[in-house]
Protein backbone atom coordinates (compact mmCIF):
# COMPACT_ATOMS: atom_id res chain seq x y z
CA MET A 1 136.72 103.31 13.40
CA LYS A 2 138.10 101.48 16.38
CA LYS A 3 137.13 97.88 17.00
CA TRP A 4 138.13 95.88 20.04
CA VAL A 5 137.29 92.21 20.68
CA TRP A 6 138.07 91.02 24.21
CA SER A 7 139.03 87.48 25.15
CA ALA A 8 140.12 86.16 28.53
CA ALA A 9 143.50 87.89 28.44
CA LEU A 10 144.11 91.15 30.29
CA MET A 11 144.63 93.90 27.76
CA VAL A 12 145.04 97.68 27.64
CA ILE A 13 144.61 99.36 24.26
CA GLY A 14 144.45 103.16 23.99
CA SER A 15 141.62 104.49 26.11
CA VAL A 16 140.17 101.07 26.84
CA THR A 17 140.93 99.24 30.07
CA LEU A 18 139.93 95.64 30.63
CA VAL A 19 139.76 95.49 34.40
CA SER A 20 139.24 91.79 34.91
CA ALA A 21 138.34 88.57 33.16
CA ALA A 22 137.77 85.37 35.10
CA VAL A 23 136.57 81.86 34.33
CA ALA A 24 134.93 79.82 37.09
CA LYS A 25 136.40 76.46 38.03
CA ASP A 26 133.51 74.54 36.54
CA ASN A 27 134.00 76.39 33.25
CA GLU A 28 130.33 77.43 33.25
CA GLN A 29 130.72 81.09 34.21
CA ARG A 30 132.90 83.97 33.12
CA GLU A 31 133.08 87.62 34.12
CA ILE A 32 134.41 90.49 32.01
CA SER A 33 134.85 94.10 33.13
CA ALA A 34 135.83 96.89 30.75
CA GLN A 35 135.93 100.68 30.72
CA TYR A 36 135.88 103.03 27.71
CA GLU A 37 136.44 106.76 27.54
CA PHE A 38 133.15 108.28 26.39
CA SER A 39 131.95 111.85 26.87
CA ALA A 40 128.40 112.87 27.67
CA GLY A 41 126.19 113.57 24.65
CA GLY A 42 127.23 110.55 22.61
CA GLU A 43 125.13 107.80 21.01
CA MET A 44 124.97 104.18 22.21
CA ILE A 45 123.81 101.13 20.25
CA PHE A 46 123.37 97.90 22.23
CA ASP A 47 122.61 94.54 20.61
CA GLY A 48 122.07 91.59 22.96
CA SER A 49 120.92 88.01 22.57
CA VAL A 50 119.71 86.24 25.74
CA GLY A 51 119.88 87.55 29.30
CA GLU A 52 119.41 90.76 31.23
CA VAL A 53 120.83 94.25 30.77
CA THR A 54 120.75 96.98 33.41
CA PHE A 55 121.60 100.54 32.40
CA VAL A 56 123.02 102.80 35.13
CA TYR A 57 123.42 106.57 34.78
CA HIS A 58 126.59 108.16 36.13
CA ASP A 59 128.42 111.51 35.81
CA ASP A 60 131.75 110.10 34.61
CA ASP A 61 133.05 110.49 31.05
CA SER A 62 133.16 106.75 30.50
CA VAL A 63 131.14 103.67 29.65
CA ASP A 64 131.74 100.90 32.17
CA ILE A 65 130.68 97.34 31.32
CA GLN A 66 130.26 94.44 33.74
CA LEU A 67 129.38 91.27 31.85
CA THR A 68 128.70 87.86 33.36
CA ALA A 69 128.24 84.86 31.07
CA GLU A 70 126.72 81.56 32.18
CA GLN A 71 125.74 78.45 30.33
CA SER A 72 121.99 78.33 29.75
CA ASP A 73 119.84 75.51 31.09
CA GLY A 74 120.36 73.42 27.99
CA ASN A 75 118.05 71.88 25.44
CA TRP A 76 115.43 69.14 25.63
CA PHE A 77 118.09 66.48 26.00
CA GLY A 78 119.76 68.16 28.98
CA TRP A 79 123.09 69.12 27.42
CA ASN A 80 124.52 72.55 26.73
CA ASP A 81 127.06 73.48 24.07
CA GLY A 82 127.65 77.02 25.36
CA ASP A 83 131.34 77.90 25.72
CA VAL A 84 131.99 80.82 28.06
CA GLU A 85 135.66 80.90 27.05
CA ALA A 86 134.74 81.50 23.41
CA LEU A 87 132.55 84.49 24.23
CA GLU A 88 133.81 87.79 22.82
CA LEU A 89 132.78 91.28 23.92
CA VAL A 90 132.74 93.47 20.82
CA VAL A 91 132.89 97.24 21.14
CA GLU A 92 133.18 99.68 18.24
CA GLN A 93 133.74 103.41 18.68
CA GLN A 94 133.53 106.00 15.93
CA GLY A 95 133.41 109.64 16.90
CA ASN A 96 130.71 110.11 19.54
CA ARG A 97 129.05 106.72 18.91
CA ILE A 98 129.68 103.43 20.71
CA ASP A 99 128.32 100.03 19.61
CA ILE A 100 128.21 97.14 22.09
CA SER A 101 127.53 93.49 21.25
CA THR A 102 128.93 89.98 21.65
CA GLU A 103 130.06 87.12 19.44
CA ASN A 104 130.13 83.36 20.09
CA ASP A 105 127.30 83.67 22.62
CA ASP A 106 125.21 80.65 21.54
CA ASP A 107 123.68 78.74 24.49
CA LEU A 108 124.90 81.40 26.93
CA GLU A 109 122.88 83.63 29.25
CA LEU A 110 124.44 87.06 29.68
CA THR A 111 123.97 89.53 32.53
CA TRP A 112 125.02 93.08 31.71
CA VAL A 113 125.49 96.16 33.87
CA ILE A 114 126.32 99.17 31.68
CA SER A 115 127.10 102.48 33.39
CA MET A 116 127.03 105.50 31.13
CA PRO A 117 126.78 109.31 31.08
CA ARG A 118 123.96 111.32 29.53
CA LEU A 119 123.45 110.20 25.92
CA SER A 120 122.08 111.91 22.83
CA ARG A 121 120.43 108.63 21.81
CA LEU A 122 120.12 105.07 23.06
CA LYS A 123 119.07 102.15 20.90
CA ALA A 124 118.89 98.77 22.64
CA GLU A 125 117.73 95.41 21.27
CA LEU A 126 117.52 92.13 23.16
CA GLY A 127 116.29 88.80 21.83
CA VAL A 128 115.12 87.16 25.06
CA GLY A 129 115.33 88.54 28.58
CA ALA A 130 114.92 91.89 30.34
CA ILE A 131 116.01 95.51 29.99
CA ASN A 132 115.91 97.66 33.11
CA GLY A 133 117.73 100.41 34.99
CA ASP A 134 118.01 104.21 35.23
CA ILE A 135 118.64 106.34 32.13
CA LYS A 136 119.03 110.10 31.81
CA MET A 137 116.19 111.34 29.60
CA THR A 138 117.16 111.21 25.92
CA ASP A 139 115.94 109.78 22.60
CA ILE A 140 115.37 106.08 23.27
CA ASP A 141 114.41 103.10 21.12
CA MET A 142 114.21 99.75 22.96
CA GLU A 143 112.98 96.39 21.79
CA VAL A 144 112.79 92.93 23.39
CA GLY A 145 111.60 89.90 21.44
CA VAL A 146 110.44 87.90 24.45
CA GLY A 147 110.77 89.48 27.88
CA GLN A 148 110.28 92.61 29.95
CA ILE A 149 111.27 96.25 29.75
CA ASP A 150 111.17 98.20 33.02
CA VAL A 151 113.21 101.41 32.99
CA ARG A 152 113.20 104.69 34.91
CA LEU A 153 113.91 107.84 32.91
CA LEU A 154 115.55 110.69 34.82
CA GLY A 155 113.90 113.93 33.71
CA ASP A 156 110.66 114.83 31.93
CA ASP A 157 111.98 116.59 28.84
CA TYR A 158 110.07 114.36 26.43
CA GLU A 159 107.88 115.06 23.42
CA ARG A 160 106.33 111.61 23.11
CA ILE A 161 106.43 108.21 24.79
CA MET A 162 105.18 105.17 22.88
CA LEU A 163 104.99 101.70 24.43
CA ASP A 164 103.80 98.53 22.70
CA SER A 165 103.46 94.86 23.64
CA GLY A 166 102.23 92.11 21.35
CA VAL A 167 101.33 89.92 24.33
CA GLY A 168 101.43 91.73 27.66
CA ASP A 169 100.72 94.97 29.49
CA THR A 170 102.15 98.46 28.96
CA GLN A 171 102.27 101.30 31.47
CA ILE A 172 103.75 104.79 31.76
CA LYS A 173 104.22 105.92 35.36
CA GLY A 174 104.90 109.39 36.71
CA VAL A 175 103.11 111.36 33.97
CA ASP A 176 100.06 113.62 34.19
CA LYS A 177 98.36 112.26 31.09
CA MET A 178 98.49 108.83 29.51
CA SER A 179 96.33 106.98 27.00
CA SER A 180 96.19 103.19 26.80
CA GLU A 181 94.51 100.74 24.47
CA ARG A 182 94.02 97.03 24.89
CA ALA A 183 93.08 94.60 22.11
CA MET A 184 92.80 90.96 23.12
CA VAL A 185 96.32 90.19 24.37
CA SER A 186 98.15 93.24 22.96
CA SER A 187 98.57 96.63 24.62
CA GLU A 188 99.85 100.10 23.85
CA SER A 189 100.36 103.25 25.94
CA ARG A 190 101.07 106.82 24.86
CA SER A 191 101.97 110.10 26.54
CA GLU A 192 102.60 113.55 25.07
CA GLY A 193 104.91 116.06 26.76
CA GLN A 194 106.34 119.53 26.19
CA GLY A 195 109.96 118.48 25.73
CA LYS A 196 112.10 117.37 22.78
CA HIS A 197 112.93 113.69 23.29
CA ARG A 198 111.08 110.70 21.87
CA VAL A 199 110.91 107.41 23.74
CA LYS A 200 109.84 104.13 22.14
CA ALA A 201 109.83 100.73 23.85
CA SER A 202 108.27 97.47 22.68
CA SER A 203 108.15 93.77 23.50
CA GLY A 204 106.82 90.95 21.35
CA VAL A 205 105.82 88.95 24.42
CA GLY A 206 106.18 90.64 27.79
CA GLU A 207 105.47 93.65 29.94
CA VAL A 208 106.69 97.17 29.11
CA ILE A 209 106.91 99.77 31.87
CA VAL A 210 108.48 103.24 31.72
CA THR A 211 108.64 105.43 34.83
CA ILE A 212 109.29 109.17 34.56
CA ASP A 213 111.31 110.60 37.45
CA LYS A 214 110.93 114.39 37.29
CA ARG A 215 113.50 115.13 39.99
């Protein structure tokens, strides 16, 4: 297993290139860019805390990460203990699997842009915030505690799509048949296809939308 933890320094280790790392003058913002060799058909596990993640499909044999960290708005008393310099981007690679997460991210709001090739499986979890973007159709399991999921899946090779929201709406766009149920504040949507991939997305509190792009 390979494990890399990135700090502010510029580093090159094996197949991993840290393109840039910058800290704003007010010490409240930091940007990290990194690229990892990763062939199509691999598995990605993403574990985020607070913020927004956008997945972008590309044809390159790499995973490219653009991460911006900012101090959150603070607590009831108006102060914030978030330290952007202490933030660590943690990436583990083993075979055809890549795990992406962070450490020391308390009181920070993170904005991710993750560009990736076609995957065999994507699992993404986010505590508070939003998951969006374009993803080549594959097996997908997404979950947000509080926030929104709004993704476009490229291709219609799916067996089943299952969306759930504890408090909020769910919707599957671009399909011929969809079933939806609403119970008080919760919602679920389902669609059956003729393909092989299974898609599951859920939010505890928030909207869940999946759009199928058949092109």
